[in-house]
Amino acid sequence: MKPIRFEKEERAAIVSRIQRYFVDELDSEIGVIPAELLLNFFSEEIGAFYYNQGLADAQAAMARMVDTINDEIYGLEQRQARAR
């Protein structure tokens, strides 16, 4: 898996959310650099778990779509030819 990277604007938005979380939920302030370090930690150490779950969800969605397509194709078959 390649490392998780964020665009500059995305990174700034995430860091801002981390800072807001600390104020709102922990009644504590955190600076930009500590928030960036926390983001790096989550990206490097925990991000793969979220990434893999996303892949599993995508794979399950794809399997459901393929099942639907197979059902549709089966519905197109001629009845007499199927009975033979």
PDB file of N, CA and C in Angstrom:
ATOM      1  N   MET A   1       0.844  -1.169   0.000  1.00  0.00           N
ATOM      2  CA  MET A   1       0.000   0.000   0.000  1.00  0.00           C
ATOM      3  C   MET A   1       0.897   1.242   0.000  1.00  0.00           C
ATOM      4  N   LYS A   2       0.572   2.159  -0.854  1.00  0.00           N
ATOM      5  CA  LYS A   2       1.348   3.396  -0.865  1.00  0.00           C
ATOM      6  C   LYS A   2       0.903   4.276   0.308  1.00  0.00           C
ATOM      7  N   PRO A   3       1.790   5.133   0.785  1.00  0.00           N
ATOM      8  CA  PRO A   3       1.460   5.982   1.940  1.00  0.00           C
ATOM      9  C   PRO A   3       0.263   6.880   1.649  1.00  0.00           C
ATOM     10  N   ILE A   4      -0.512   7.147   2.682  1.00  0.00           N
ATOM     11  CA  ILE A   4      -1.665   8.037   2.558  1.00  0.00           C
ATOM     12  C   ILE A   4      -1.156   9.472   2.548  1.00  0.00           C
ATOM     13  N   ARG A   5      -1.485  10.189   1.516  1.00  0.00           N
ATOM     14  CA  ARG A   5      -1.064  11.589   1.359  1.00  0.00           C
ATOM     15  C   ARG A   5      -2.301  12.459   1.176  1.00  0.00           C
ATOM     16  N   PHE A   6      -2.245  13.651   1.716  1.00  0.00           N
ATOM     17  CA  PHE A   6      -3.333  14.609   1.564  1.00  0.00           C
ATOM     18  C   PHE A   6      -2.810  15.853   0.858  1.00  0.00           C
ATOM     19  N   GLU A   7      -3.674  16.470   0.094  1.00  0.00           N
ATOM     20  CA  GLU A   7      -3.336  17.755  -0.520  1.00  0.00           C
ATOM     21  C   GLU A   7      -3.177  18.791   0.596  1.00  0.00           C
ATOM     22  N   LYS A   8      -2.491  19.877   0.290  1.00  0.00           N
ATOM     23  CA  LYS A   8      -2.211  20.920   1.286  1.00  0.00           C
ATOM     24  C   LYS A   8      -3.503  21.434   1.934  1.00  0.00           C
ATOM     25  N   GLU A   9      -4.539  21.667   1.121  1.00  0.00           N
ATOM     26  CA  GLU A   9      -5.806  22.189   1.631  1.00  0.00           C
ATOM     27  C   GLU A   9      -6.507  21.157   2.506  1.00  0.00           C
ATOM     28  N   GLU A  10      -6.463  19.885   2.093  1.00  0.00           N
ATOM     29  CA  GLU A  10      -7.072  18.818   2.884  1.00  0.00           C
ATOM     30  C   GLU A  10      -6.365  18.688   4.235  1.00  0.00           C
ATOM     31  N   ARG A  11      -5.042  18.721   4.190  1.00  0.00           N
ATOM     32  CA  ARG A  11      -4.242  18.592   5.408  1.00  0.00           C
ATOM     33  C   ARG A  11      -4.571  19.726   6.381  1.00  0.00           C
ATOM     34  N   ALA A  12      -4.668  20.952   5.867  1.00  0.00           N
ATOM     35  CA  ALA A  12      -4.999  22.103   6.712  1.00  0.00           C
ATOM     36  C   ALA A  12      -6.387  21.936   7.328  1.00  0.00           C
ATOM     37  N   ALA A  13      -7.345  21.434   6.545  1.00  0.00           N
ATOM     38  CA  ALA A  13      -8.703  21.228   7.057  1.00  0.00           C
ATOM     39  C   ALA A  13      -8.725  20.158   8.145  1.00  0.00           C
ATOM     40  N   ILE A  14      -7.971  19.082   7.950  1.00  0.00           N
ATOM     41  CA  ILE A  14      -7.923  18.007   8.942  1.00  0.00           C
ATOM     42  C   ILE A  14      -7.265  18.503  10.223  1.00  0.00           C
ATOM     43  N   VAL A  15      -6.161  19.212  10.096  1.00  0.00           N
ATOM     44  CA  VAL A  15      -5.472  19.763  11.267  1.00  0.00           C
ATOM     45  C   VAL A  15      -6.414  20.691  12.033  1.00  0.00           C
ATOM     46  N   SER A  16      -7.164  21.508  11.315  1.00  0.00           N
ATOM     47  CA  SER A  16      -8.131  22.410  11.954  1.00  0.00           C
ATOM     48  C   SER A  16      -9.190  21.612  12.714  1.00  0.00           C
ATOM     49  N   ARG A  17      -9.644  20.522  12.138  1.00  0.00           N
ATOM     50  CA  ARG A  17     -10.641  19.683  12.818  1.00  0.00           C
ATOM     51  C   ARG A  17     -10.067  19.029  14.070  1.00  0.00           C
ATOM     52  N   ILE A  18      -8.821  18.607  13.998  1.00  0.00           N
ATOM     53  CA  ILE A  18      -8.164  18.028  15.179  1.00  0.00           C
ATOM     54  C   ILE A  18      -8.097  19.079  16.288  1.00  0.00           C
ATOM     55  N   GLN A  19      -7.705  20.287  15.925  1.00  0.00           N
ATOM     56  CA  GLN A  19      -7.621  21.358  16.912  1.00  0.00           C
ATOM     57  C   GLN A  19      -9.002  21.651  17.519  1.00  0.00           C
ATOM     58  N   ARG A  20     -10.021  21.696  16.680  1.00  0.00           N
ATOM     59  CA  ARG A  20     -11.383  21.960  17.153  1.00  0.00           C
ATOM     60  C   ARG A  20     -11.861  20.828  18.067  1.00  0.00           C
ATOM     61  N   TYR A  21     -11.511  19.583  17.721  1.00  0.00           N
ATOM     62  CA  TYR A  21     -11.887  18.437  18.547  1.00  0.00           C
ATOM     63  C   TYR A  21     -11.284  18.569  19.947  1.00  0.00           C
ATOM     64  N   PHE A  22     -10.023  18.931  20.013  1.00  0.00           N
ATOM     65  CA  PHE A  22      -9.366  19.081  21.306  1.00  0.00           C
ATOM     66  C   PHE A  22     -10.064  20.142  22.158  1.00  0.00           C
ATOM     67  N   VAL A  23     -10.458  21.240  21.543  1.00  0.00           N
ATOM     68  CA  VAL A  23     -11.138  22.307  22.279  1.00  0.00           C
ATOM     69  C   VAL A  23     -12.539  21.847  22.700  1.00  0.00           C
ATOM     70  N   ASP A  24     -13.300  21.289  21.762  1.00  0.00           N
ATOM     71  CA  ASP A  24     -14.692  20.930  22.026  1.00  0.00           C
ATOM     72  C   ASP A  24     -14.838  19.735  22.961  1.00  0.00           C
ATOM     73  N   GLU A  25     -14.027  18.704  22.755  1.00  0.00           N
ATOM     74  CA  GLU A  25     -14.209  17.450  23.486  1.00  0.00           C
ATOM     75  C   GLU A  25     -13.279  17.288  24.688  1.00  0.00           C
ATOM     76  N   LEU A  26     -12.090  17.866  24.604  1.00  0.00           N
ATOM     77  CA  LEU A  26     -11.106  17.658  25.665  1.00  0.00           C
ATOM     78  C   LEU A  26     -10.849  18.928  26.477  1.00  0.00           C
ATOM     79  N   ASP A  27     -11.523  20.013  26.087  1.00  0.00           N
ATOM     80  CA  ASP A  27     -11.368  21.301  26.774  1.00  0.00           C
ATOM     81  C   ASP A  27      -9.895  21.672  26.901  1.00  0.00           C
ATOM     82  N   SER A  28      -9.161  21.458  25.804  1.00  0.00           N
ATOM     83  CA  SER A  28      -7.730  21.713  25.768  1.00  0.00           C
ATOM     84  C   SER A  28      -7.361  22.207  24.376  1.00  0.00           C
ATOM     85  N   GLU A  29      -6.352  23.030  24.323  1.00  0.00           N
ATOM     86  CA  GLU A  29      -5.900  23.520  23.018  1.00  0.00           C
ATOM     87  C   GLU A  29      -4.680  22.728  22.567  1.00  0.00           C
ATOM     88  N   ILE A  30      -4.557  22.599  21.253  1.00  0.00           N
ATOM     89  CA  ILE A  30      -3.406  21.923  20.656  1.00  0.00           C
ATOM     90  C   ILE A  30      -2.929  22.790  19.497  1.00  0.00           C
ATOM     91  N   GLY A  31      -1.646  22.955  19.379  1.00  0.00           N
ATOM     92  CA  GLY A  31      -1.082  23.778  18.314  1.00  0.00           C
ATOM     93  C   GLY A  31      -1.107  23.066  16.973  1.00  0.00           C
ATOM     94  N   VAL A  32      -0.735  23.798  15.949  1.00  0.00           N
ATOM     95  CA  VAL A  32      -0.722  23.262  14.589  1.00  0.00           C
ATOM     96  C   VAL A  32       0.272  22.107  14.463  1.00  0.00           C
ATOM     97  N   ILE A  33       1.483  22.284  14.975  1.00  0.00           N
ATOM     98  CA  ILE A  33       2.503  21.236  14.832  1.00  0.00           C
ATOM     99  C   ILE A  33       2.105  19.964  15.570  1.00  0.00           C
ATOM    100  N   PRO A  34       1.649  20.031  16.835  1.00  0.00           N
ATOM    101  CA  PRO A  34       1.188  18.794  17.480  1.00  0.00           C
ATOM    102  C   PRO A  34       0.009  18.145  16.753  1.00  0.00           C
ATOM    103  N   ALA A  35      -0.893  18.969  16.218  1.00  0.00           N
ATOM    104  CA  ALA A  35      -2.022  18.418  15.465  1.00  0.00           C
ATOM    105  C   ALA A  35      -1.535  17.726  14.188  1.00  0.00           C
ATOM    106  N   GLU A  36      -0.537  18.300  13.520  1.00  0.00           N
ATOM    107  CA  GLU A  36       0.035  17.668  12.329  1.00  0.00           C
ATOM    108  C   GLU A  36       0.740  16.356  12.684  1.00  0.00           C
ATOM    109  N   LEU A  37       1.440  16.349  13.817  1.00  0.00           N
ATOM    110  CA  LEU A  37       2.091  15.117  14.267  1.00  0.00           C
ATOM    111  C   LEU A  37       1.058  14.036  14.579  1.00  0.00           C
ATOM    112  N   LEU A  38      -0.048  14.436  15.184  1.00  0.00           N
ATOM    113  CA  LEU A  38      -1.124  13.484  15.462  1.00  0.00           C
ATOM    114  C   LEU A  38      -1.717  12.950  14.163  1.00  0.00           C
ATOM    115  N   LEU A  39      -1.915  13.821  13.183  1.00  0.00           N
ATOM    116  CA  LEU A  39      -2.399  13.398  11.873  1.00  0.00           C
ATOM    117  C   LEU A  39      -1.421  12.423  11.232  1.00  0.00           C
ATOM    118  N   ASN A  40      -0.127  12.711  11.316  1.00  0.00           N
ATOM    119  CA  ASN A  40       0.880  11.793  10.773  1.00  0.00           C
ATOM    120  C   ASN A  40       0.795  10.431  11.441  1.00  0.00           C
ATOM    121  N   PHE A  41       0.640  10.426  12.759  1.00  0.00           N
ATOM    122  CA  PHE A  41       0.537   9.163  13.493  1.00  0.00           C
ATOM    123  C   PHE A  41      -0.663   8.364  13.008  1.00  0.00           C
ATOM    124  N   PHE A  42      -1.823   9.013  12.939  1.00  0.00           N
ATOM    125  CA  PHE A  42      -3.023   8.295  12.499  1.00  0.00           C
ATOM    126  C   PHE A  42      -2.888   7.810  11.064  1.00  0.00           C
ATOM    127  N   SER A  43      -2.304   8.635  10.212  1.00  0.00           N
ATOM    128  CA  SER A  43      -2.137   8.239   8.806  1.00  0.00           C
ATOM    129  C   SER A  43      -1.217   7.035   8.672  1.00  0.00           C
ATOM    130  N   GLU A  44      -0.112   7.048   9.405  1.00  0.00           N
ATOM    131  CA  GLU A  44       0.885   5.992   9.280  1.00  0.00           C
ATOM    132  C   GLU A  44       0.516   4.728  10.043  1.00  0.00           C
ATOM    133  N   GLU A  45      -0.058   4.875  11.224  1.00  0.00           N
ATOM    134  CA  GLU A  45      -0.283   3.729  12.095  1.00  0.00           C
ATOM    135  C   GLU A  45      -1.693   3.161  12.021  1.00  0.00           C
ATOM    136  N   ILE A  46      -2.676   4.000  11.733  1.00  0.00           N
ATOM    137  CA  ILE A  46      -4.062   3.559  11.781  1.00  0.00           C
ATOM    138  C   ILE A  46      -4.739   3.655  10.420  1.00  0.00           C
ATOM    139  N   GLY A  47      -4.206   4.490   9.547  1.00  0.00           N
ATOM    140  CA  GLY A  47      -4.819   4.710   8.239  1.00  0.00           C
ATOM    141  C   GLY A  47      -5.044   3.441   7.443  1.00  0.00           C
ATOM    142  N   ALA A  48      -4.129   2.482   7.548  1.00  0.00           N
ATOM    143  CA  ALA A  48      -4.265   1.233   6.780  1.00  0.00           C
ATOM    144  C   ALA A  48      -5.515   0.458   7.168  1.00  0.00           C
ATOM    145  N   PHE A  49      -5.916   0.535   8.432  1.00  0.00           N
ATOM    146  CA  PHE A  49      -7.134  -0.153   8.861  1.00  0.00           C
ATOM    147  C   PHE A  49      -8.361   0.435   8.158  1.00  0.00           C
ATOM    148  N   TYR A  50      -8.417   1.764   8.093  1.00  0.00           N
ATOM    149  CA  TYR A  50      -9.525   2.428   7.406  1.00  0.00           C
ATOM    150  C   TYR A  50      -9.472   2.166   5.900  1.00  0.00           C
ATOM    151  N   TYR A  51      -8.288   2.196   5.356  1.00  0.00           N
ATOM    152  CA  TYR A  51      -8.099   1.933   3.928  1.00  0.00           C
ATOM    153  C   TYR A  51      -8.583   0.523   3.583  1.00  0.00           C
ATOM    154  N   ASN A  52      -8.167  -0.457   4.375  1.00  0.00           N
ATOM    155  CA  ASN A  52      -8.573  -1.845   4.118  1.00  0.00           C
ATOM    156  C   ASN A  52     -10.074  -2.030   4.274  1.00  0.00           C
ATOM    157  N   GLN A  53     -10.676  -1.357   5.249  1.00  0.00           N
ATOM    158  CA  GLN A  53     -12.128  -1.446   5.408  1.00  0.00           C
ATOM    159  C   GLN A  53     -12.828  -0.839   4.199  1.00  0.00           C
ATOM    160  N   GLY A  54     -12.288   0.258   3.693  1.00  0.00           N
ATOM    161  CA  GLY A  54     -12.852   0.864   2.484  1.00  0.00           C
ATOM    162  C   GLY A  54     -12.769  -0.073   1.293  1.00  0.00           C
ATOM    163  N   LEU A  55     -11.635  -0.776   1.158  1.00  0.00           N
ATOM    164  CA  LEU A  55     -11.502  -1.754   0.080  1.00  0.00           C
ATOM    165  C   LEU A  55     -12.495  -2.897   0.243  1.00  0.00           C
ATOM    166  N   ALA A  56     -12.669  -3.379   1.475  1.00  0.00           N
ATOM    167  CA  ALA A  56     -13.626  -4.467   1.729  1.00  0.00           C
ATOM    168  C   ALA A  56     -15.045  -4.012   1.399  1.00  0.00           C
ATOM    169  N   ASP A  57     -15.385  -2.786   1.769  1.00  0.00           N
ATOM    170  CA  ASP A  57     -16.714  -2.243   1.456  1.00  0.00           C
ATOM    171  C   ASP A  57     -16.911  -2.127  -0.053  1.00  0.00           C
ATOM    172  N   ALA A  58     -15.878  -1.660  -0.756  1.00  0.00           N
ATOM    173  CA  ALA A  58     -15.961  -1.532  -2.217  1.00  0.00           C
ATOM    174  C   ALA A  58     -16.101  -2.902  -2.870  1.00  0.00           C
ATOM    175  N   GLN A  59     -15.351  -3.876  -2.353  1.00  0.00           N
ATOM    176  CA  GLN A  59     -15.420  -5.232  -2.905  1.00  0.00           C
ATOM    177  C   GLN A  59     -16.809  -5.830  -2.694  1.00  0.00           C
ATOM    178  N   ALA A  60     -17.404  -5.613  -1.520  1.00  0.00           N
ATOM    179  CA  ALA A  60     -18.753  -6.115  -1.242  1.00  0.00           C
ATOM    180  C   ALA A  60     -19.776  -5.442  -2.151  1.00  0.00           C
ATOM    181  N   ALA A  61     -19.628  -4.139  -2.371  1.00  0.00           N
ATOM    182  CA  ALA A  61     -20.543  -3.420  -3.266  1.00  0.00           C
ATOM    183  C   ALA A  61     -20.416  -3.951  -4.694  1.00  0.00           C
ATOM    184  N   MET A  62     -19.187  -4.205  -5.123  1.00  0.00           N
ATOM    185  CA  MET A  62     -18.959  -4.738  -6.465  1.00  0.00           C
ATOM    186  C   MET A  62     -19.566  -6.131  -6.602  1.00  0.00           C
ATOM    187  N   ALA A  63     -19.418  -6.966  -5.576  1.00  0.00           N
ATOM    188  CA  ALA A  63     -19.989  -8.321  -5.615  1.00  0.00           C
ATOM    189  C   ALA A  63     -21.510  -8.254  -5.731  1.00  0.00           C
ATOM    190  N   ARG A  64     -22.137  -7.315  -5.006  1.00  0.00           N
ATOM    191  CA  ARG A  64     -23.597  -7.157  -5.110  1.00  0.00           C
ATOM    192  C   ARG A  64     -23.992  -6.734  -6.523  1.00  0.00           C
ATOM    193  N   MET A  65     -23.216  -5.856  -7.133  1.00  0.00           N
ATOM    194  CA  MET A  65     -23.505  -5.398  -8.490  1.00  0.00           C
ATOM    195  C   MET A  65     -23.365  -6.548  -9.487  1.00  0.00           C
ATOM    196  N   VAL A  66     -22.319  -7.340  -9.323  1.00  0.00           N
ATOM    197  CA  VAL A  66     -22.109  -8.481 -10.221  1.00  0.00           C
ATOM    198  C   VAL A  66     -23.247  -9.483 -10.063  1.00  0.00           C
ATOM    199  N   ASP A  67     -23.702  -9.707  -8.838  1.00  0.00           N
ATOM    200  CA  ASP A  67     -24.845 -10.603  -8.616  1.00  0.00           C
ATOM    201  C   ASP A  67     -26.091 -10.080  -9.320  1.00  0.00           C
ATOM    202  N   THR A  68     -26.308  -8.783  -9.256  1.00  0.00           N
ATOM    203  CA  THR A  68     -27.464  -8.179  -9.926  1.00  0.00           C
ATOM    204  C   THR A  68     -27.356  -8.345 -11.442  1.00  0.00           C
ATOM    205  N   ILE A  69     -26.171  -8.127 -11.968  1.00  0.00           N
ATOM    206  CA  ILE A  69     -25.959  -8.303 -13.416  1.00  0.00           C
ATOM    207  C   ILE A  69     -26.204  -9.757 -13.804  1.00  0.00           C
ATOM    208  N   ASN A  70     -25.675 -10.696 -13.012  1.00  0.00           N
ATOM    209  CA  ASN A  70     -25.895 -12.116 -13.300  1.00  0.00           C
ATOM    210  C   ASN A  70     -27.380 -12.461 -13.274  1.00  0.00           C
ATOM    211  N   ASP A  71     -28.115 -11.905 -12.310  1.00  0.00           N
ATOM    212  CA  ASP A  71     -29.563 -12.139 -12.245  1.00  0.00           C
ATOM    213  C   ASP A  71     -30.259 -11.584 -13.482  1.00  0.00           C
ATOM    214  N   GLU A  72     -29.845 -10.403 -13.915  1.00  0.00           N
ATOM    215  CA  GLU A  72     -30.436  -9.792 -15.109  1.00  0.00           C
ATOM    216  C   GLU A  72     -30.147 -10.635 -16.352  1.00  0.00           C
ATOM    217  N   ILE A  73     -28.930 -11.104 -16.485  1.00  0.00           N
ATOM    218  CA  ILE A  73     -28.562 -11.943 -17.628  1.00  0.00           C
ATOM    219  C   ILE A  73     -29.358 -13.243 -17.596  1.00  0.00           C
ATOM    220  N   TYR A  74     -29.469 -13.849 -16.431  1.00  0.00           N
ATOM    221  CA  TYR A  74     -30.245 -15.082 -16.293  1.00  0.00           C
ATOM    222  C   TYR A  74     -31.693 -14.835 -16.714  1.00  0.00           C
ATOM    223  N   GLY A  75     -32.245 -13.666 -16.365  1.00  0.00           N
ATOM    224  CA  GLY A  75     -33.618 -13.316 -16.742  1.00  0.00           C
ATOM    225  C   GLY A  75     -33.797 -13.138 -18.244  1.00  0.00           C
ATOM    226  N   LEU A  76     -32.720 -12.888 -18.974  1.00  0.00           N
ATOM    227  CA  LEU A  76     -32.800 -12.708 -20.424  1.00  0.00           C
ATOM    228  C   LEU A  76     -32.797 -14.031 -21.185  1.00  0.00           C
ATOM    229  N   GLU A  77     -32.398 -15.111 -20.512  1.00  0.00           N
ATOM    230  CA  GLU A  77     -32.317 -16.396 -21.213  1.00  0.00           C
ATOM    231  C   GLU A  77     -33.701 -16.849 -21.655  1.00  0.00           C
ATOM    232  N   GLN A  78     -33.714 -17.549 -22.770  1.00  0.00           N
ATOM    233  CA  GLN A  78     -34.960 -18.098 -23.300  1.00  0.00           C
ATOM    234  C   GLN A  78     -35.384 -19.267 -22.434  1.00  0.00           C
ATOM    235  N   ARG A  79     -36.656 -19.337 -22.057  1.00  0.00           N
ATOM    236  CA  ARG A  79     -37.145 -20.371 -21.147  1.00  0.00           C
ATOM    237  C   ARG A  79     -37.005 -21.772 -21.732  1.00  0.00           C
ATOM    238  N   GLN A  80     -37.351 -21.965 -23.023  1.00  0.00           N
ATOM    239  CA  GLN A  80     -37.291 -23.291 -23.604  1.00  0.00           C
ATOM    240  C   GLN A  80     -35.846 -23.814 -23.641  1.00  0.00           C
ATOM    241  N   ALA A  81     -34.914 -22.953 -23.966  1.00  0.00           N
ATOM    242  CA  ALA A  81     -33.515 -23.378 -24.075  1.00  0.00           C
ATOM    243  C   ALA A  81     -32.954 -23.725 -22.690  1.00  0.00           C
ATOM    244  N   ARG A  82     -33.466 -23.102 -21.652  1.00  0.00           N
ATOM    245  CA  ARG A  82     -32.989 -23.337 -20.311  1.00  0.00           C
ATOM    246  C   ARG A  82     -33.433 -24.707 -19.814  1.00  0.00           C
ATOM    247  N   ALA A  83     -34.601 -25.173 -20.238  1.00  0.00           N
ATOM    248  CA  ALA A  83     -35.161 -26.438 -19.753  1.00  0.00           C
ATOM    249  C   ALA A  83     -34.426 -27.636 -20.316  1.00  0.00           C
ATOM    250  N   ARG A  84     -33.717 -27.518 -21.409  1.00  0.00           N
ATOM    251  CA  ARG A  84     -33.061 -28.669 -22.032  1.00  0.00           C
ATOM    252  C   ARG A  84     -31.861 -29.125 -21.331  1.00  0.00           C
TER     253      ARG A  84
END
